[in-house]
PDB file of N, CA and C in Angstrom:
ATOM      1  N   UNK A   1      11.217   6.389 -14.843  1.00  0.00           N
ATOM      2  CA  UNK A   1      11.069   5.881 -13.480  1.00  0.00           C
ATOM      3  C   UNK A   1       9.879   6.574 -12.818  1.00  0.00           C
ATOM      4  N   UNK A   2       8.997   5.793 -12.246  1.00  0.00           N
ATOM      5  CA  UNK A   2       7.766   6.336 -11.672  1.00  0.00           C
ATOM      6  C   UNK A   2       7.911   6.746 -10.216  1.00  0.00           C
ATOM      7  N   UNK A   3       8.942   6.303  -9.532  1.00  0.00           N
ATOM      8  CA  UNK A   3       9.080   6.615  -8.117  1.00  0.00           C
ATOM      9  C   UNK A   3       9.193   5.345  -7.295  1.00  0.00           C
ATOM     10  N   UNK A   4       9.066   5.515  -5.997  1.00  0.00           N
ATOM     11  CA  UNK A   4       9.221   4.394  -5.062  1.00  0.00           C
ATOM     12  C   UNK A   4       7.858   3.899  -4.601  1.00  0.00           C
ATOM     13  N   UNK A   5       7.695   2.582  -4.619  1.00  0.00           N
ATOM     14  CA  UNK A   5       6.469   1.954  -4.117  1.00  0.00           C
ATOM     15  C   UNK A   5       6.866   0.917  -3.065  1.00  0.00           C
ATOM     16  N   UNK A   6       6.140   0.917  -1.965  1.00  0.00           N
ATOM     17  CA  UNK A   6       6.374  -0.046  -0.883  1.00  0.00           C
ATOM     18  C   UNK A   6       5.200  -1.016  -0.851  1.00  0.00           C
ATOM     19  N   UNK A   7       5.520  -2.301  -0.944  1.00  0.00           N
ATOM     20  CA  UNK A   7       4.499  -3.350  -0.917  1.00  0.00           C
ATOM     21  C   UNK A   7       4.571  -4.029   0.447  1.00  0.00           C
ATOM     22  N   UNK A   8       3.463  -3.964   1.184  1.00  0.00           N
ATOM     23  CA  UNK A   8       3.431  -4.496   2.546  1.00  0.00           C
ATOM     24  C   UNK A   8       2.392  -5.610   2.619  1.00  0.00           C
ATOM     25  N   UNK A   9       2.871  -6.837   2.770  1.00  0.00           N
ATOM     26  CA  UNK A   9       1.983  -7.992   2.869  1.00  0.00           C
ATOM     27  C   UNK A   9       2.731  -9.109   3.568  1.00  0.00           C
ATOM     28  N   UNK A  10       2.054  -9.845   4.442  1.00  0.00           N
ATOM     29  CA  UNK A  10       2.725 -10.932   5.157  1.00  0.00           C
ATOM     30  C   UNK A  10       2.845 -12.189   4.300  1.00  0.00           C
ATOM     31  N   UNK A  11       2.185 -12.232   3.154  1.00  0.00           N
ATOM     32  CA  UNK A  11       2.269 -13.392   2.273  1.00  0.00           C
ATOM     33  C   UNK A  11       3.356 -13.159   1.216  1.00  0.00           C
ATOM     34  N   UNK A  12       4.377 -13.999   1.279  1.00  0.00           N
ATOM     35  CA  UNK A  12       5.526 -13.862   0.383  1.00  0.00           C
ATOM     36  C   UNK A  12       5.122 -13.906  -1.091  1.00  0.00           C
ATOM     37  N   UNK A  13       4.194 -14.778  -1.432  1.00  0.00           N
ATOM     38  CA  UNK A  13       3.749 -14.906  -2.819  1.00  0.00           C
ATOM     39  C   UNK A  13       3.112 -13.629  -3.352  1.00  0.00           C
ATOM     40  N   UNK A  14       2.322 -12.981  -2.517  1.00  0.00           N
ATOM     41  CA  UNK A  14       1.676 -11.720  -2.910  1.00  0.00           C
ATOM     42  C   UNK A  14       2.748 -10.647  -3.110  1.00  0.00           C
ATOM     43  N   UNK A  15       3.695 -10.575  -2.164  1.00  0.00           N
ATOM     44  CA  UNK A  15       4.778  -9.581  -2.290  1.00  0.00           C
ATOM     45  C   UNK A  15       5.546  -9.792  -3.585  1.00  0.00           C
ATOM     46  N   UNK A  16       5.896 -11.036  -3.878  1.00  0.00           N
ATOM     47  CA  UNK A  16       6.669 -11.331  -5.101  1.00  0.00           C
ATOM     48  C   UNK A  16       5.904 -10.971  -6.365  1.00  0.00           C
ATOM     49  N   UNK A  17       4.644 -11.350  -6.420  1.00  0.00           N
ATOM     50  CA  UNK A  17       3.806 -11.067  -7.586  1.00  0.00           C
ATOM     51  C   UNK A  17       3.713  -9.561  -7.839  1.00  0.00           C
ATOM     52  N   UNK A  18       3.418  -8.807  -6.789  1.00  0.00           N
ATOM     53  CA  UNK A  18       3.278  -7.360  -6.938  1.00  0.00           C
ATOM     54  C   UNK A  18       4.626  -6.695  -7.221  1.00  0.00           C
ATOM     55  N   UNK A  19       5.681  -7.228  -6.629  1.00  0.00           N
ATOM     56  CA  UNK A  19       7.030  -6.700  -6.890  1.00  0.00           C
ATOM     57  C   UNK A  19       7.372  -6.831  -8.372  1.00  0.00           C
ATOM     58  N   UNK A  20       7.131  -8.012  -8.932  1.00  0.00           N
ATOM     59  CA  UNK A  20       7.398  -8.236 -10.365  1.00  0.00           C
ATOM     60  C   UNK A  20       6.587  -7.282 -11.238  1.00  0.00           C
ATOM     61  N   UNK A  21       5.300  -7.173 -10.958  1.00  0.00           N
ATOM     62  CA  UNK A  21       4.410  -6.319 -11.744  1.00  0.00           C
ATOM     63  C   UNK A  21       4.891  -4.877 -11.745  1.00  0.00           C
ATOM     64  N   UNK A  22       5.168  -4.331 -10.564  1.00  0.00           N
ATOM     65  CA  UNK A  22       5.486  -2.908 -10.485  1.00  0.00           C
ATOM     66  C   UNK A  22       6.914  -2.597 -10.936  1.00  0.00           C
ATOM     67  N   UNK A  23       7.817  -3.567 -10.858  1.00  0.00           N
ATOM     68  CA  UNK A  23       9.148  -3.367 -11.456  1.00  0.00           C
ATOM     69  C   UNK A  23       9.010  -3.218 -12.969  1.00  0.00           C
ATOM     70  N   UNK A  24       8.177  -4.073 -13.567  1.00  0.00           N
ATOM     71  CA  UNK A  24       7.932  -3.989 -15.017  1.00  0.00           C
ATOM     72  C   UNK A  24       7.286  -2.663 -15.393  1.00  0.00           C
ATOM     73  N   UNK A  25       6.518  -2.090 -14.458  1.00  0.00           N
ATOM     74  CA  UNK A  25       5.843  -0.812 -14.702  1.00  0.00           C
ATOM     75  C   UNK A  25       6.783   0.389 -14.522  1.00  0.00           C
ATOM     76  N   UNK A  26       8.018   0.129 -14.057  1.00  0.00           N
ATOM     77  CA  UNK A  26       8.991   1.204 -13.921  1.00  0.00           C
ATOM     78  C   UNK A  26       9.142   1.789 -12.520  1.00  0.00           C
ATOM     79  N   UNK A  27       8.579   1.115 -11.521  1.00  0.00           N
ATOM     80  CA  UNK A  27       8.690   1.582 -10.136  1.00  0.00           C
ATOM     81  C   UNK A  27       9.961   1.037  -9.492  1.00  0.00           C
ATOM     82  N   UNK A  28      10.516   1.784  -8.520  1.00  0.00           N
ATOM     83  CA  UNK A  28      11.532   1.273  -7.603  1.00  0.00           C
ATOM     84  C   UNK A  28      10.735   0.570  -6.508  1.00  0.00           C
ATOM     85  N   UNK A  29      10.870  -0.751  -6.397  1.00  0.00           N
ATOM     86  CA  UNK A  29      10.004  -1.518  -5.497  1.00  0.00           C
ATOM     87  C   UNK A  29      10.739  -1.900  -4.212  1.00  0.00           C
ATOM     88  N   UNK A  30      10.052  -1.712  -3.096  1.00  0.00           N
ATOM     89  CA  UNK A  30      10.536  -2.114  -1.778  1.00  0.00           C
ATOM     90  C   UNK A  30       9.436  -2.960  -1.147  1.00  0.00           C
ATOM     91  N   UNK A  31       9.822  -3.897  -0.277  1.00  0.00           N
ATOM     92  CA  UNK A  31       8.825  -4.766   0.343  1.00  0.00           C
ATOM     93  C   UNK A  31       8.996  -4.812   1.857  1.00  0.00           C
ATOM     94  N   UNK A  32       7.884  -5.060   2.530  1.00  0.00           N
ATOM     95  CA  UNK A  32       7.874  -5.255   3.983  1.00  0.00           C
ATOM     96  C   UNK A  32       6.848  -6.334   4.292  1.00  0.00           C
ATOM     97  N   UNK A  33       7.084  -7.090   5.368  1.00  0.00           N
ATOM     98  CA  UNK A  33       6.202  -8.216   5.681  1.00  0.00           C
ATOM     99  C   UNK A  33       5.191  -7.919   6.786  1.00  0.00           C
ATOM    100  N   UNK A  34       5.283  -6.747   7.419  1.00  0.00           N
ATOM    101  CA  UNK A  34       4.272  -6.372   8.409  1.00  0.00           C
ATOM    102  C   UNK A  34       4.287  -4.856   8.618  1.00  0.00           C
ATOM    103  N   UNK A  35       3.349  -4.383   9.414  1.00  0.00           N
ATOM    104  CA  UNK A  35       3.186  -2.953   9.622  1.00  0.00           C
ATOM    105  C   UNK A  35       4.382  -2.283  10.269  1.00  0.00           C
ATOM    106  N   UNK A  36       5.013  -2.953  11.247  1.00  0.00           N
ATOM    107  CA  UNK A  36       6.175  -2.361  11.930  1.00  0.00           C
ATOM    108  C   UNK A  36       7.323  -2.166  10.952  1.00  0.00           C
ATOM    109  N   UNK A  37       7.581  -3.178  10.139  1.00  0.00           N
ATOM    110  CA  UNK A  37       8.643  -3.082   9.133  1.00  0.00           C
ATOM    111  C   UNK A  37       8.312  -1.981   8.125  1.00  0.00           C
ATOM    112  N   UNK A  38       7.049  -1.849   7.784  1.00  0.00           N
ATOM    113  CA  UNK A  38       6.616  -0.812   6.839  1.00  0.00           C
ATOM    114  C   UNK A  38       6.926   0.578   7.388  1.00  0.00           C
ATOM    115  N   UNK A  39       6.625   0.815   8.652  1.00  0.00           N
ATOM    116  CA  UNK A  39       6.871   2.126   9.268  1.00  0.00           C
ATOM    117  C   UNK A  39       8.359   2.457   9.235  1.00  0.00           C
ATOM    118  N   UNK A  40       9.206   1.465   9.561  1.00  0.00           N
ATOM    119  CA  UNK A  40      10.656   1.673   9.516  1.00  0.00           C
ATOM    120  C   UNK A  40      11.105   2.037   8.104  1.00  0.00           C
ATOM    121  N   UNK A  41      10.580   1.319   7.116  1.00  0.00           N
ATOM    122  CA  UNK A  41      10.985   1.577   5.733  1.00  0.00           C
ATOM    123  C   UNK A  41      10.493   2.934   5.246  1.00  0.00           C
ATOM    124  N   UNK A  42       9.293   3.320   5.644  1.00  0.00           N
ATOM    125  CA  UNK A  42       8.754   4.617   5.215  1.00  0.00           C
ATOM    126  C   UNK A  42       9.639   5.741   5.744  1.00  0.00           C
ATOM    127  N   UNK A  43      10.055   5.642   7.000  1.00  0.00           N
ATOM    128  CA  UNK A  43      10.922   6.680   7.566  1.00  0.00           C
ATOM    129  C   UNK A  43      12.239   6.773   6.802  1.00  0.00           C
ATOM    130  N   UNK A  44      12.765   5.642   6.336  1.00  0.00           N
ATOM    131  CA  UNK A  44      14.038   5.630   5.605  1.00  0.00           C
ATOM    132  C   UNK A  44      13.875   5.998   4.125  1.00  0.00           C
ATOM    133  N   UNK A  45      12.798   5.533   3.492  1.00  0.00           N
ATOM    134  CA  UNK A  45      12.649   5.664   2.036  1.00  0.00           C
ATOM    135  C   UNK A  45      11.762   6.799   1.565  1.00  0.00           C
ATOM    136  N   UNK A  46      10.753   7.136   2.370  1.00  0.00           N
ATOM    137  CA  UNK A  46       9.708   8.098   1.967  1.00  0.00           C
ATOM    138  C   UNK A  46       9.155   7.728   0.580  1.00  0.00           C
ATOM    139  N   UNK A  47       8.505   6.545   0.473  1.00  0.00           N
ATOM    140  CA  UNK A  47       7.973   6.119  -0.830  1.00  0.00           C
ATOM    141  C   UNK A  47       6.833   7.022  -1.310  1.00  0.00           C
ATOM    142  N   UNK A  48       6.583   6.978  -2.604  1.00  0.00           N
ATOM    143  CA  UNK A  48       5.506   7.762  -3.204  1.00  0.00           C
ATOM    144  C   UNK A  48       4.164   7.063  -3.040  1.00  0.00           C
ATOM    145  N   UNK A  49       4.210   5.724  -2.937  1.00  0.00           N
ATOM    146  CA  UNK A  49       2.994   4.912  -2.924  1.00  0.00           C
ATOM    147  C   UNK A  49       3.224   3.714  -2.012  1.00  0.00           C
ATOM    148  N   UNK A  50       2.175   3.323  -1.289  1.00  0.00           N
ATOM    149  CA  UNK A  50       2.240   2.119  -0.449  1.00  0.00           C
ATOM    150  C   UNK A  50       1.026   1.251  -0.758  1.00  0.00           C
ATOM    151  N   UNK A  51       1.280  -0.031  -0.992  1.00  0.00           N
ATOM    152  CA  UNK A  51       0.217  -1.030  -1.083  1.00  0.00           C
ATOM    153  C   UNK A  51       0.253  -1.775   0.241  1.00  0.00           C
ATOM    154  N   UNK A  52      -0.785  -1.612   1.040  1.00  0.00           N
ATOM    155  CA  UNK A  52      -0.787  -2.096   2.420  1.00  0.00           C
ATOM    156  C   UNK A  52      -1.854  -3.167   2.619  1.00  0.00           C
ATOM    157  N   UNK A  53      -1.423  -4.370   3.001  1.00  0.00           N
ATOM    158  CA  UNK A  53      -2.369  -5.419   3.354  1.00  0.00           C
ATOM    159  C   UNK A  53      -3.004  -5.050   4.690  1.00  0.00           C
ATOM    160  N   UNK A  54      -4.240  -5.440   4.895  1.00  0.00           N
ATOM    161  CA  UNK A  54      -4.919  -5.119   6.147  1.00  0.00           C
ATOM    162  C   UNK A  54      -4.528  -6.080   7.267  1.00  0.00           C
ATOM    163  N   UNK A  55      -4.632  -7.370   6.987  1.00  0.00           N
ATOM    164  CA  UNK A  55      -4.449  -8.368   8.042  1.00  0.00           C
ATOM    165  C   UNK A  55      -3.017  -8.918   8.016  1.00  0.00           C
ATOM    166  N   UNK A  56      -2.245  -8.517   9.042  1.00  0.00           N
ATOM    167  CA  UNK A  56      -0.857  -8.971   9.169  1.00  0.00           C
ATOM    168  C   UNK A  56      -0.515  -9.151  10.638  1.00  0.00           C
ATOM    169  N   UNK A  57       0.495  -9.971  10.933  1.00  0.00           N
ATOM    170  CA  UNK A  57       0.930 -10.114  12.323  1.00  0.00           C
ATOM    171  C   UNK A  57       1.673  -8.861  12.793  1.00  0.00           C
ATOM    172  N   UNK A  58       1.865  -8.731  14.082  1.00  0.00           N
ATOM    173  CA  UNK A  58       2.595  -7.641  14.744  1.00  0.00           C
ATOM    174  C   UNK A  58       1.842  -6.316  14.726  1.00  0.00           C
ATOM    175  N   UNK A  59       1.503  -5.820  13.531  1.00  0.00           N
ATOM    176  CA  UNK A  59       0.742  -4.587  13.428  1.00  0.00           C
ATOM    177  C   UNK A  59      -0.060  -4.641  12.135  1.00  0.00           C
ATOM    178  N   UNK A  60      -1.370  -4.460  12.240  1.00  0.00           N
ATOM    179  CA  UNK A  60      -2.187  -4.570  11.026  1.00  0.00           C
ATOM    180  C   UNK A  60      -2.041  -3.330  10.145  1.00  0.00           C
ATOM    181  N   UNK A  61      -2.585  -3.420   8.956  1.00  0.00           N
ATOM    182  CA  UNK A  61      -2.440  -2.363   7.973  1.00  0.00           C
ATOM    183  C   UNK A  61      -3.095  -1.050   8.361  1.00  0.00           C
ATOM    184  N   UNK A  62      -4.210  -1.132   9.078  1.00  0.00           N
ATOM    185  CA  UNK A  62      -4.895   0.095   9.503  1.00  0.00           C
ATOM    186  C   UNK A  62      -4.032   0.869  10.499  1.00  0.00           C
ATOM    187  N   UNK A  63      -3.509   0.167  11.516  1.00  0.00           N
ATOM    188  CA  UNK A  63      -2.640   0.814  12.511  1.00  0.00           C
ATOM    189  C   UNK A  63      -1.397   1.403  11.849  1.00  0.00           C
ATOM    190  N   UNK A  64      -0.773   0.619  10.974  1.00  0.00           N
ATOM    191  CA  UNK A  64       0.441   1.081  10.298  1.00  0.00           C
ATOM    192  C   UNK A  64       0.144   2.299   9.428  1.00  0.00           C
ATOM    193  N   UNK A  65      -0.960   2.269   8.700  1.00  0.00           N
ATOM    194  CA  UNK A  65      -1.338   3.396   7.845  1.00  0.00           C
ATOM    195  C   UNK A  65      -1.570   4.659   8.672  1.00  0.00           C
ATOM    196  N   UNK A  66      -2.245   4.512   9.806  1.00  0.00           N
ATOM    197  CA  UNK A  66      -2.502   5.660  10.669  1.00  0.00           C
ATOM    198  C   UNK A  66      -1.193   6.283  11.146  1.00  0.00           C
ATOM    199  N   UNK A  67      -0.253   5.442  11.581  1.00  0.00           N
ATOM    200  CA  UNK A  67       1.042   5.939  12.070  1.00  0.00           C
ATOM    201  C   UNK A  67       1.842   6.592  10.943  1.00  0.00           C
ATOM    202  N   UNK A  68       1.839   5.973   9.771  1.00  0.00           N
ATOM    203  CA  UNK A  68       2.574   6.527   8.623  1.00  0.00           C
ATOM    204  C   UNK A  68       1.993   7.882   8.221  1.00  0.00           C
ATOM    205  N   UNK A  69       0.672   7.948   8.124  1.00  0.00           N
ATOM    206  CA  UNK A  69       0.034   9.174   7.658  1.00  0.00           C
ATOM    207  C   UNK A  69       0.124  10.327   8.670  1.00  0.00           C
ATOM    208  N   UNK A  70       0.312   9.998   9.958  1.00  0.00           N
ATOM    209  CA  UNK A  70       0.531  11.050  10.959  1.00  0.00           C
ATOM    210  C   UNK A  70       1.797  11.833  10.633  1.00  0.00           C
ATOM    211  N   UNK A  71       2.842  11.125  10.200  1.00  0.00           N
ATOM    212  CA  UNK A  71       4.132  11.748   9.904  1.00  0.00           C
ATOM    213  C   UNK A  71       4.263  12.153   8.435  1.00  0.00           C
ATOM    214  N   UNK A  72       3.678  11.364   7.549  1.00  0.00           N
ATOM    215  CA  UNK A  72       3.856  11.554   6.106  1.00  0.00           C
ATOM    216  C   UNK A  72       2.482  11.566   5.434  1.00  0.00           C
ATOM    217  N   UNK A  73       1.744  12.618   5.640  1.00  0.00           N
ATOM    218  CA  UNK A  73       0.376  12.698   5.157  1.00  0.00           C
ATOM    219  C   UNK A  73       0.218  12.753   3.648  1.00  0.00           C
ATOM    220  N   UNK A  74       1.319  12.963   2.935  1.00  0.00           N
ATOM    221  CA  UNK A  74       1.250  13.096   1.473  1.00  0.00           C
ATOM    222  C   UNK A  74       1.466  11.777   0.735  1.00  0.00           C
ATOM    223  N   UNK A  75       1.726  10.699   1.454  1.00  0.00           N
ATOM    224  CA  UNK A  75       1.962   9.406   0.799  1.00  0.00           C
ATOM    225  C   UNK A  75       0.622   8.764   0.433  1.00  0.00           C
ATOM    226  N   UNK A  76       0.511   8.306  -0.800  1.00  0.00           N
ATOM    227  CA  UNK A  76      -0.684   7.581  -1.246  1.00  0.00           C
ATOM    228  C   UNK A  76      -0.628   6.156  -0.721  1.00  0.00           C
ATOM    229  N   UNK A  77      -1.670   5.738  -0.024  1.00  0.00           N
ATOM    230  CA  UNK A  77      -1.760   4.363   0.466  1.00  0.00           C
ATOM    231  C   UNK A  77      -3.004   3.718  -0.123  1.00  0.00           C
ATOM    232  N   UNK A  78      -2.812   2.528  -0.675  1.00  0.00           N
ATOM    233  CA  UNK A  78      -3.925   1.688  -1.121  1.00  0.00           C
ATOM    234  C   UNK A  78      -3.982   0.495  -0.170  1.00  0.00           C
ATOM    235  N   UNK A  79      -5.125   0.332   0.497  1.00  0.00           N
ATOM    236  CA  UNK A  79      -5.317  -0.765   1.439  1.00  0.00           C
ATOM    237  C   UNK A  79      -5.881  -1.974   0.711  1.00  0.00           C
ATOM    238  N   UNK A  80      -5.236  -3.122   0.922  1.00  0.00           N
ATOM    239  CA  UNK A  80      -5.707  -4.383   0.336  1.00  0.00           C
ATOM    240  C   UNK A  80      -6.329  -5.189   1.476  1.00  0.00           C
ATOM    241  N   UNK A  81      -7.619  -5.441   1.380  1.00  0.00           N
ATOM    242  CA  UNK A  81      -8.296  -6.162   2.463  1.00  0.00           C
ATOM    243  C   UNK A  81      -9.073  -7.352   1.934  1.00  0.00           C
ATOM    244  N   UNK A  82      -8.976  -8.446   2.655  1.00  0.00           N
ATOM    245  CA  UNK A  82      -9.748  -9.643   2.306  1.00  0.00           C
ATOM    246  C   UNK A  82     -11.127  -9.575   2.943  1.00  0.00           C
ATOM    247  N   UNK A  83     -11.317  -8.625   3.806  1.00  0.00           N
ATOM    248  CA  UNK A  83     -12.550  -8.569   4.582  1.00  0.00           C
ATOM    249  C   UNK A  83     -13.750  -8.100   3.782  1.00  0.00           C
ATOM    250  N   UNK A  84     -13.605  -7.012   3.083  1.00  0.00           N
ATOM    251  CA  UNK A  84     -14.763  -6.392   2.476  1.00  0.00           C
ATOM    252  C   UNK A  84     -15.666  -5.775   3.531  1.00  0.00           C
ATOM    253  N   UNK A  85     -15.156  -5.661   4.752  1.00  0.00           N
ATOM    254  CA  UNK A  85     -15.933  -5.077   5.847  1.00  0.00           C
ATOM    255  C   UNK A  85     -15.955  -3.573   5.698  1.00  0.00           C
ATOM    256  N   UNK A  86     -17.112  -3.022   5.572  1.00  0.00           N
ATOM    257  CA  UNK A  86     -17.250  -1.593   5.344  1.00  0.00           C
ATOM    258  C   UNK A  86     -16.699  -0.768   6.510  1.00  0.00           C
ATOM    259  N   UNK A  87     -16.777  -1.290   7.719  1.00  0.00           N
ATOM    260  CA  UNK A  87     -16.275  -0.552   8.885  1.00  0.00           C
ATOM    261  C   UNK A  87     -14.759  -0.343   8.790  1.00  0.00           C
ATOM    262  N   UNK A  88     -14.035  -1.401   8.417  1.00  0.00           N
ATOM    263  CA  UNK A  88     -12.574  -1.312   8.268  1.00  0.00           C
ATOM    264  C   UNK A  88     -12.232  -0.347   7.138  1.00  0.00           C
ATOM    265  N   UNK A  89     -12.931  -0.480   6.015  1.00  0.00           N
ATOM    266  CA  UNK A  89     -12.694   0.384   4.861  1.00  0.00           C
ATOM    267  C   UNK A  89     -12.943   1.846   5.246  1.00  0.00           C
ATOM    268  N   UNK A  90     -14.034   2.096   5.963  1.00  0.00           N
ATOM    269  CA  UNK A  90     -14.362   3.468   6.376  1.00  0.00           C
ATOM    270  C   UNK A  90     -13.276   4.026   7.293  1.00  0.00           C
ATOM    271  N   UNK A  91     -12.810   3.235   8.256  1.00  0.00           N
ATOM    272  CA  UNK A  91     -11.746   3.683   9.162  1.00  0.00           C
ATOM    273  C   UNK A  91     -10.471   4.004   8.391  1.00  0.00           C
ATOM    274  N   UNK A  92     -10.154   3.156   7.427  1.00  0.00           N
ATOM    275  CA  UNK A  92      -8.943   3.367   6.619  1.00  0.00           C
ATOM    276  C   UNK A  92      -9.051   4.665   5.820  1.00  0.00           C
ATOM    277  N   UNK A  93     -10.195   4.873   5.182  1.00  0.00           N
ATOM    278  CA  UNK A  93     -10.395   6.092   4.388  1.00  0.00           C
ATOM    279  C   UNK A  93     -10.409   7.334   5.285  1.00  0.00           C
ATOM    280  N   UNK A  94     -11.011   7.222   6.467  1.00  0.00           N
ATOM    281  CA  UNK A  94     -11.029   8.336   7.417  1.00  0.00           C
ATOM    282  C   UNK A  94      -9.613   8.688   7.881  1.00  0.00           C
ATOM    283  N   UNK A  95      -8.741   7.674   7.955  1.00  0.00           N
ATOM    284  CA  UNK A  95      -7.354   7.890   8.389  1.00  0.00           C
ATOM    285  C   UNK A  95      -6.513   8.553   7.297  1.00  0.00           C
ATOM    286  N   UNK A  96      -7.014   8.551   6.066  1.00  0.00           N
ATOM    287  CA  UNK A  96      -6.268   9.178   4.974  1.00  0.00           C
ATOM    288  C   UNK A  96      -5.822   8.233   3.885  1.00  0.00           C
ATOM    289  N   UNK A  97      -6.171   6.946   4.025  1.00  0.00           N
ATOM    290  CA  UNK A  97      -5.881   5.985   2.958  1.00  0.00           C
ATOM    291  C   UNK A  97      -6.657   6.431   1.721  1.00  0.00           C
ATOM    292  N   UNK A  98      -5.994   6.425   0.563  1.00  0.00           N
ATOM    293  CA  UNK A  98      -6.612   6.960  -0.654  1.00  0.00           C
ATOM    294  C   UNK A  98      -7.636   6.015  -1.285  1.00  0.00           C
ATOM    295  N   UNK A  99      -7.325   4.718  -1.293  1.00  0.00           N
ATOM    296  CA  UNK A  99      -8.200   3.731  -1.939  1.00  0.00           C
ATOM    297  C   UNK A  99      -8.144   2.421  -1.167  1.00  0.00           C
ATOM    298  N   UNK A 100      -9.190   1.625  -1.333  1.00  0.00           N
ATOM    299  CA  UNK A 100      -9.215   0.266  -0.784  1.00  0.00           C
ATOM    300  C   UNK A 100      -9.584  -0.685  -1.915  1.00  0.00           C
ATOM    301  N   UNK A 101      -8.956  -1.850  -1.906  1.00  0.00           N
ATOM    302  CA  UNK A 101      -9.263  -2.874  -2.903  1.00  0.00           C
ATOM    303  C   UNK A 101      -9.434  -4.191  -2.152  1.00  0.00           C
ATOM    304  N   UNK A 102     -10.459  -4.942  -2.527  1.00  0.00           N
ATOM    305  CA  UNK A 102     -10.783  -6.180  -1.823  1.00  0.00           C
ATOM    306  C   UNK A 102     -10.109  -7.374  -2.486  1.00  0.00           C
ATOM    307  N   UNK A 103      -9.470  -8.197  -1.638  1.00  0.00           N
ATOM    308  CA  UNK A 103      -8.861  -9.445  -2.116  1.00  0.00           C
ATOM    309  C   UNK A 103      -9.949 -10.496  -2.245  1.00  0.00           C
ATOM    310  N   UNK A 104      -9.897 -11.386  -3.211  1.00  0.00           N
ATOM    311  CA  UNK A 104      -8.918 -11.384  -4.307  1.00  0.00           C
ATOM    312  C   UNK A 104      -9.263 -10.293  -5.308  1.00  0.00           C
ATOM    313  N   UNK A 105      -8.239  -9.616  -5.813  1.00  0.00           N
ATOM    314  CA  UNK A 105      -8.461  -8.541  -6.779  1.00  0.00           C
ATOM    315  C   UNK A 105      -7.829  -8.912  -8.113  1.00  0.00           C
ATOM    316  N   UNK A 106      -8.285  -8.256  -9.149  1.00  0.00           N
ATOM    317  CA  UNK A 106      -7.685  -8.392 -10.470  1.00  0.00           C
ATOM    318  C   UNK A 106      -6.428  -7.542 -10.459  1.00  0.00           C
ATOM    319  N   UNK A 107      -5.294  -8.144 -10.741  1.00  0.00           N
ATOM    320  CA  UNK A 107      -4.012  -7.448 -10.654  1.00  0.00           C
ATOM    321  C   UNK A 107      -3.945  -6.246 -11.599  1.00  0.00           C
ATOM    322  N   UNK A 108      -4.652  -6.333 -12.717  1.00  0.00           N
ATOM    323  CA  UNK A 108      -4.673  -5.205 -13.654  1.00  0.00           C
ATOM    324  C   UNK A 108      -5.496  -4.041 -13.093  1.00  0.00           C
ATOM    325  N   UNK A 109      -6.537  -4.354 -12.323  1.00  0.00           N
ATOM    326  CA  UNK A 109      -7.307  -3.298 -11.656  1.00  0.00           C
ATOM    327  C   UNK A 109      -6.422  -2.566 -10.646  1.00  0.00           C
ATOM    328  N   UNK A 110      -5.620  -3.332  -9.890  1.00  0.00           N
ATOM    329  CA  UNK A 110      -4.715  -2.722  -8.921  1.00  0.00           C
ATOM    330  C   UNK A 110      -3.668  -1.877  -9.644  1.00  0.00           C
ATOM    331  N   UNK A 111      -3.103  -2.391 -10.722  1.00  0.00           N
ATOM    332  CA  UNK A 111      -2.114  -1.647 -11.504  1.00  0.00           C
ATOM    333  C   UNK A 111      -2.702  -0.323 -11.984  1.00  0.00           C
ATOM    334  N   UNK A 112      -3.917  -0.379 -12.518  1.00  0.00           N
ATOM    335  CA  UNK A 112      -4.573   0.833 -13.004  1.00  0.00           C
ATOM    336  C   UNK A 112      -4.840   1.823 -11.875  1.00  0.00           C
ATOM    337  N   UNK A 113      -5.227   1.309 -10.714  1.00  0.00           N
ATOM    338  CA  UNK A 113      -5.489   2.150  -9.553  1.00  0.00           C
ATOM    339  C   UNK A 113      -4.203   2.880  -9.131  1.00  0.00           C
ATOM    340  N   UNK A 114      -3.090   2.141  -9.073  1.00  0.00           N
ATOM    341  CA  UNK A 114      -1.795   2.720  -8.699  1.00  0.00           C
ATOM    342  C   UNK A 114      -1.384   3.781  -9.722  1.00  0.00           C
ATOM    343  N   UNK A 115      -1.488   3.449 -11.005  1.00  0.00           N
ATOM    344  CA  UNK A 115      -1.083   4.400 -12.040  1.00  0.00           C
ATOM    345  C   UNK A 115      -1.949   5.654 -12.028  1.00  0.00           C
ATOM    346  N   UNK A 116      -3.249   5.503 -11.770  1.00  0.00           N
ATOM    347  CA  UNK A 116      -4.129   6.651 -11.709  1.00  0.00           C
ATOM    348  C   UNK A 116      -3.787   7.555 -10.529  1.00  0.00           C
ATOM    349  N   UNK A 117      -3.539   6.953  -9.361  1.00  0.00           N
ATOM    350  CA  UNK A 117      -3.161   7.744  -8.183  1.00  0.00           C
ATOM    351  C   UNK A 117      -1.841   8.471  -8.419  1.00  0.00           C
ATOM    352  N   UNK A 118      -0.886   7.782  -9.041  1.00  0.00           N
ATOM    353  CA  UNK A 118       0.417   8.396  -9.329  1.00  0.00           C
ATOM    354  C   UNK A 118       0.249   9.558 -10.301  1.00  0.00           C
ATOM    355  N   UNK A 119      -0.604   9.371 -11.308  1.00  0.00           N
ATOM    356  CA  UNK A 119      -0.871  10.420 -12.293  1.00  0.00           C
ATOM    357  C   UNK A 119      -1.545  11.617 -11.629  1.00  0.00           C
ATOM    358  N   UNK A 120      -2.537  11.337 -10.777  1.00  0.00           N
ATOM    359  CA  UNK A 120      -3.254  12.402 -10.077  1.00  0.00           C
ATOM    360  C   UNK A 120      -2.323  13.212  -9.180  1.00  0.00           C
ATOM    361  N   UNK A 121      -1.321  12.542  -8.627  1.00  0.00           N
ATOM    362  CA  UNK A 121      -0.389  13.193  -7.704  1.00  0.00           C
ATOM    363  C   UNK A 121       0.497  14.211  -8.452  1.00  0.00           C
ATOM    364  N   UNK A 122       0.907  13.876  -9.673  1.00  0.00           N
ATOM    365  CA  UNK A 122       1.794  14.776 -10.413  1.00  0.00           C
ATOM    366  C   UNK A 122       1.037  15.825 -11.226  1.00  0.00           C
ATOM    367  N   UNK A 123      -0.228  15.593 -11.497  1.00  0.00           N
ATOM    368  CA  UNK A 123      -0.950  16.570 -12.319  1.00  0.00           C
ATOM    369  C   UNK A 123      -1.693  17.596 -11.488  1.00  0.00           C
TER     370      UNK A 123
END
């Protein structure tokens, strides 16, 4: 078992796809559909890894990541953004987000990124 991963995306199809992938990889998978729900789940679960979409209703991924990292600075967050906007990416990295990946992404690249971050955390 690799630990707990929280997948945060407002698109149900993306959540399902990533949930299936990471369950097969041995993760305990949890999902949230927006930033507010993600913050609630982080407080309850304290996941090891978060895959956070940038653009969501109620609270975007950058705001949610900032709030999560204020309380739980040791959680690895990978931001998934469709923008490719360097300003958003820079703000996310400055807030403590570990990596950013631009949508559409190769799912195997994301898997490798998650596994590398998880490996780096334990070694």
